[in-house]
C-alpha atoms as a PDB file:
ATOM      1  CA  MET A   1      97.385 166.754  95.001  1.00  0.00           C
ATOM      2  CA  GLY A   2      97.890 168.463  98.365  1.00  0.00           C
ATOM      3  CA  PHE A   3     100.646 168.121 100.881  1.00  0.00           C
ATOM      4  CA  SER A   4     100.133 164.717 102.483  1.00  0.00           C
ATOM      5  CA  GLU A   5     100.048 163.768 106.122  1.00  0.00           C
ATOM      6  CA  LYS A   6     103.158 161.671 105.494  1.00  0.00           C
ATOM      7  CA  GLN A   7     105.018 164.631 103.945  1.00  0.00           C
ATOM      8  CA  GLU A   8     104.154 166.781 106.945  1.00  0.00           C
ATOM      9  CA  ALA A   9     105.306 164.008 109.294  1.00  0.00           C
ATOM     10  CA  LEU A  10     108.616 163.666 107.422  1.00  0.00           C
ATOM     11  CA  VAL A  11     109.333 167.388 107.701  1.00  0.00           C
ATOM     12  CA  LYS A  12     108.390 167.455 111.392  1.00  0.00           C
ATOM     13  CA  GLU A  13     110.440 164.325 112.150  1.00  0.00           C
ATOM     14  CA  SER A  14     113.548 165.691 110.466  1.00  0.00           C
ATOM     15  CA  TRP A  15     113.072 169.138 112.034  1.00  0.00           C
ATOM     16  CA  GLU A  16     113.049 167.518 115.488  1.00  0.00           C
ATOM     17  CA  VAL A  17     116.421 165.931 114.672  1.00  0.00           C
ATOM     18  CA  MET A  18     117.812 169.113 113.097  1.00  0.00           C
ATOM     19  CA  LYS A  19     116.867 171.260 116.127  1.00  0.00           C
ATOM     20  CA  GLN A  20     119.378 169.265 118.169  1.00  0.00           C
ATOM     21  CA  ASP A  21     122.317 170.721 116.211  1.00  0.00           C
ATOM     22  CA  ILE A  22     121.282 174.142 114.938  1.00  0.00           C
ATOM     23  CA  PRO A  23     124.746 175.770 115.280  1.00  0.00           C
ATOM     24  CA  ALA A  24     126.461 173.178 113.052  1.00  0.00           C
ATOM     25  CA  LEU A  25     123.557 172.913 110.622  1.00  0.00           C
ATOM     26  CA  SER A  26     123.330 176.707 110.312  1.00  0.00           C
ATOM     27  CA  LEU A  27     126.992 176.841 109.403  1.00  0.00           C
ATOM     28  CA  TYR A  28     126.489 173.963 106.966  1.00  0.00           C
ATOM     29  CA  LEU A  29     123.480 175.626 105.308  1.00  0.00           C
ATOM     30  CA  TYR A  30     125.456 178.793 104.575  1.00  0.00           C
ATOM     31  CA  THR A  31     128.521 176.824 103.526  1.00  0.00           C
ATOM     32  CA  MET A  32     126.304 175.062 100.983  1.00  0.00           C
ATOM     33  CA  ILE A  33     124.728 178.329  99.795  1.00  0.00           C
ATOM     34  CA  LEU A  34     128.188 179.814  99.188  1.00  0.00           C
ATOM     35  CA  GLU A  35     129.508 176.614  97.622  1.00  0.00           C
ATOM     36  CA  ILE A  36     126.613 176.548  95.150  1.00  0.00           C
ATOM     37  CA  SER A  37     126.625 180.301  94.479  1.00  0.00           C
ATOM     38  CA  PRO A  38     129.582 182.251  95.944  1.00  0.00           C
ATOM     39  CA  GLU A  39     128.372 185.508  94.409  1.00  0.00           C
ATOM     40  CA  VAL A  40     125.415 185.698  96.823  1.00  0.00           C
ATOM     41  CA  LYS A  41     127.687 186.300  99.812  1.00  0.00           C
ATOM     42  CA  GLY A  42     127.092 190.056  99.709  1.00  0.00           C
ATOM     43  CA  LEU A  43     123.337 189.571 100.086  1.00  0.00           C
ATOM     44  CA  PHE A  44     123.790 188.527 103.710  1.00  0.00           C
ATOM     45  CA  SER A  45     124.854 191.387 105.991  1.00  0.00           C
ATOM     46  CA  PHE A  46     126.551 188.955 108.372  1.00  0.00           C
ATOM     47  CA  LEU A  47     128.761 187.551 105.577  1.00  0.00           C
ATOM     48  CA  LYS A  48     129.658 190.723 103.650  1.00  0.00           C
ATOM     49  CA  ASP A  49     132.879 191.707 105.370  1.00  0.00           C
ATOM     50  CA  THR A  50     134.433 188.320 105.989  1.00  0.00           C
ATOM     51  CA  ASP A  51     136.330 185.783 103.938  1.00  0.00           C
ATOM     52  CA  GLU A  52     135.037 182.840 105.914  1.00  0.00           C
ATOM     53  CA  LEU A  53     131.831 181.808 107.557  1.00  0.00           C
ATOM     54  CA  PRO A  54     131.774 183.117 111.100  1.00  0.00           C
ATOM     55  CA  ARG A  55     131.407 179.980 113.231  1.00  0.00           C
ATOM     56  CA  ASN A  56     129.828 181.667 116.219  1.00  0.00           C
ATOM     57  CA  ASN A  57     127.918 184.423 114.492  1.00  0.00           C
ATOM     58  CA  PRO A  58     124.526 184.728 116.220  1.00  0.00           C
ATOM     59  CA  LYS A  59     123.004 186.443 113.159  1.00  0.00           C
ATOM     60  CA  LEU A  60     123.958 183.517 110.917  1.00  0.00           C
ATOM     61  CA  LYS A  61     122.425 181.029 113.357  1.00  0.00           C
ATOM     62  CA  SER A  62     119.336 183.173 113.830  1.00  0.00           C
ATOM     63  CA  HIS A  63     118.772 183.542 110.096  1.00  0.00           C
ATOM     64  CA  ALA A  64     119.237 179.815 109.488  1.00  0.00           C
ATOM     65  CA  VAL A  65     116.802 178.942 112.282  1.00  0.00           C
ATOM     66  CA  LYS A  66     114.230 181.290 110.708  1.00  0.00           C
ATOM     67  CA  VAL A  67     114.675 179.568 107.329  1.00  0.00           C
ATOM     68  CA  PHE A  68     114.362 176.073 108.832  1.00  0.00           C
ATOM     69  CA  LYS A  69     111.356 177.023 110.981  1.00  0.00           C
ATOM     70  CA  MET A  70     109.514 178.845 108.224  1.00  0.00           C
ATOM     71  CA  VAL A  71     109.853 175.875 105.880  1.00  0.00           C
ATOM     72  CA  CYS A  72     108.682 173.539 108.624  1.00  0.00           C
ATOM     73  CA  GLU A  73     105.734 175.812 109.401  1.00  0.00           C
ATOM     74  CA  ALA A  74     104.968 175.996 105.682  1.00  0.00           C
ATOM     75  CA  ALA A  75     104.753 172.200 105.626  1.00  0.00           C
ATOM     76  CA  ILE A  76     102.249 172.201 108.500  1.00  0.00           C
ATOM     77  CA  GLN A  77     100.155 174.915 106.853  1.00  0.00           C
ATOM     78  CA  LEU A  78     100.168 173.110 103.531  1.00  0.00           C
ATOM     79  CA  ARG A  79      98.717 170.071 105.259  1.00  0.00           C
ATOM     80  CA  GLU A  80      96.192 171.962 107.392  1.00  0.00           C
ATOM     81  CA  GLN A  81      95.144 174.763 105.035  1.00  0.00           C
ATOM     82  CA  GLY A  82      96.304 173.730 101.579  1.00  0.00           C
ATOM     83  CA  GLU A  83      98.481 176.840 101.287  1.00  0.00           C
ATOM     84  CA  VAL A  84     101.215 178.778 103.051  1.00  0.00           C
ATOM     85  CA  VAL A  85      99.918 181.676 105.120  1.00  0.00           C
ATOM     86  CA  VAL A  86     102.669 183.728 106.722  1.00  0.00           C
ATOM     87  CA  PRO A  87     101.283 185.787 109.612  1.00  0.00           C
ATOM     88  CA  GLY A  88     100.549 189.489 109.329  1.00  0.00           C
ATOM     89  CA  SER A  89     103.418 191.761 108.490  1.00  0.00           C
ATOM     90  CA  THR A  90     106.013 188.964 108.296  1.00  0.00           C
ATOM     91  CA  LEU A  91     105.252 188.150 104.662  1.00  0.00           C
ATOM     92  CA  LYS A  92     105.219 191.840 103.738  1.00  0.00           C
ATOM     93  CA  TYR A  93     108.587 192.244 105.440  1.00  0.00           C
ATOM     94  CA  LEU A  94     110.043 189.185 103.681  1.00  0.00           C
ATOM     95  CA  GLY A  95     108.777 190.409 100.321  1.00  0.00           C
ATOM     96  CA  SER A  96     110.170 193.879 100.935  1.00  0.00           C
ATOM     97  CA  VAL A  97     113.614 192.682 102.039  1.00  0.00           C
ATOM     98  CA  HIS A  98     113.919 190.193  99.181  1.00  0.00           C
ATOM     99  CA  LEU A  99     112.806 192.852  96.689  1.00  0.00           C
ATOM    100  CA  GLN A 100     115.265 195.438  98.071  1.00  0.00           C
ATOM    101  CA  LYS A 101     118.112 192.942  97.811  1.00  0.00           C
ATOM    102  CA  GLY A 102     117.144 192.106  94.230  1.00  0.00           C
ATOM    103  CA  ILE A 103     116.620 188.403  94.929  1.00  0.00           C
ATOM    104  CA  VAL A 104     115.748 186.449  91.780  1.00  0.00           C
ATOM    105  CA  ASP A 105     114.270 182.990  91.200  1.00  0.00           C
ATOM    106  CA  ALA A 106     117.689 181.384  90.748  1.00  0.00           C
ATOM    107  CA  GLN A 107     118.716 182.526  94.224  1.00  0.00           C
ATOM    108  CA  PHE A 108     115.626 180.937  95.765  1.00  0.00           C
ATOM    109  CA  GLU A 109     116.723 177.715  94.048  1.00  0.00           C
ATOM    110  CA  VAL A 110     120.220 178.025  95.556  1.00  0.00           C
ATOM    111  CA  VAL A 111     118.766 178.222  99.056  1.00  0.00           C
ATOM    112  CA  LYS A 112     116.475 175.284  98.305  1.00  0.00           C
ATOM    113  CA  GLU A 113     119.395 173.125  97.153  1.00  0.00           C
ATOM    114  CA  ALA A 114     121.425 174.132 100.225  1.00  0.00           C
ATOM    115  CA  LEU A 115     118.450 173.368 102.465  1.00  0.00           C
ATOM    116  CA  ILE A 116     118.016 169.896 100.963  1.00  0.00           C
ATOM    117  CA  ARG A 117     121.741 169.185 101.363  1.00  0.00           C
ATOM    118  CA  THR A 118     121.467 170.278 104.990  1.00  0.00           C
ATOM    119  CA  VAL A 119     118.515 167.955 105.595  1.00  0.00           C
ATOM    120  CA  GLU A 120     120.538 165.135 103.993  1.00  0.00           C
ATOM    121  CA  LYS A 121     123.498 165.848 106.260  1.00  0.00           C
ATOM    122  CA  ALA A 122     121.358 166.040 109.382  1.00  0.00           C
ATOM    123  CA  MET A 123     119.359 162.900 108.666  1.00  0.00           C
ATOM    124  CA  GLY A 124     122.104 160.726 107.168  1.00  0.00           C
ATOM    125  CA  GLU A 125     120.789 157.313 106.148  1.00  0.00           C
ATOM    126  CA  LYS A 126     117.298 158.228 107.381  1.00  0.00           C
ATOM    127  CA  CYS A 127     117.021 160.845 104.629  1.00  0.00           C
ATOM    128  CA  THR A 128     114.818 159.427 101.890  1.00  0.00           C
ATOM    129  CA  GLU A 129     113.740 160.855  98.550  1.00  0.00           C
ATOM    130  CA  GLU A 130     110.277 161.282 100.097  1.00  0.00           C
ATOM    131  CA  MET A 131     111.737 163.387 102.902  1.00  0.00           C
ATOM    132  CA  LYS A 132     113.697 165.562 100.468  1.00  0.00           C
ATOM    133  CA  ASP A 133     110.592 165.949  98.291  1.00  0.00           C
ATOM    134  CA  ALA A 134     108.537 167.008 101.324  1.00  0.00           C
ATOM    135  CA  TRP A 135     111.065 169.705 102.282  1.00  0.00           C
ATOM    136  CA  SER A 136     111.302 170.785  98.634  1.00  0.00           C
ATOM    137  CA  GLU A 137     107.548 171.171  98.306  1.00  0.00           C
ATOM    138  CA  ALA A 138     107.230 173.091 101.563  1.00  0.00           C
ATOM    139  CA  TYR A 139     110.115 175.369 100.571  1.00  0.00           C
ATOM    140  CA  ASP A 140     108.681 175.910  97.067  1.00  0.00           C
ATOM    141  CA  GLN A 141     105.339 176.983  98.513  1.00  0.00           C
ATOM    142  CA  LEU A 142     106.988 179.355 100.987  1.00  0.00           C
ATOM    143  CA  ALA A 143     109.176 180.815  98.228  1.00  0.00           C
ATOM    144  CA  ALA A 144     106.096 181.269  96.022  1.00  0.00           C
ATOM    145  CA  ALA A 145     104.363 183.232  98.799  1.00  0.00           C
ATOM    146  CA  ILE A 146     107.435 185.467  99.208  1.00  0.00           C
ATOM    147  CA  LYS A 147     107.709 185.983  95.419  1.00  0.00           C
ATOM    148  CA  THR A 148     104.022 186.950  95.228  1.00  0.00           C
ATOM    149  CA  GLU A 149     104.571 189.531  97.954  1.00  0.00           C
ATOM    150  CA  MET A 150     107.664 190.804  96.120  1.00  0.00           C
ATOM    151  CA  LYS A 151     105.601 191.299  92.946  1.00  0.00           C
ATOM    152  CA  GLN A 152     102.859 193.108  94.856  1.00  0.00           C
ATOM    153  CA  GLU A 153     105.392 195.383  96.529  1.00  0.00           C
ATOM    154  CA  ALA A 154     107.131 196.101  93.206  1.00  0.00           C
ATOM    155  CA  ALA A 155     103.776 196.928  91.614  1.00  0.00           C
ATOM    156  CA  ALA A 156     102.894 199.252  94.486  1.00  0.00           C
ATOM    157  CA  LEU A 157     106.227 201.049  94.188  1.00  0.00           C
ATOM    158  CA  ASN A 158     105.737 201.577  90.457  1.00  0.00           C
ATOM    159  CA  VAL A 159     102.277 203.142  90.869  1.00  0.00           C
END
């Protein structure tokens, strides 16, 4: 079963709401990531040398926006193409960075859980299980594309 029109609509609808409060939701996303898995703090350059989340850190906001947008774009691609296709060198870059940082499956799951909690916070009572499932599926497909690129890069480095 592919990504449905309704799933795509749910992701788009919630993204439109979330875009209205990116600074607070960015902070919330990273708060959730660190609450779920405090040991990942050092993986983010903008969090390494601080004991608290920097409220007005442009890098934190920028990174969170990229995560939100990429998952949203993944949802649209899943509906239109049946798969996630990240343009050109972006996927290679993501695979390379995630490989260099030693990101493992469990850490992708941490970000997914934090993302779903952020969607729940943003949408409040409008957040349904269907909406969370749609974001989960889009994120899973994006993560799978990044993991595939990581494996290809690792294989190329070991040649």
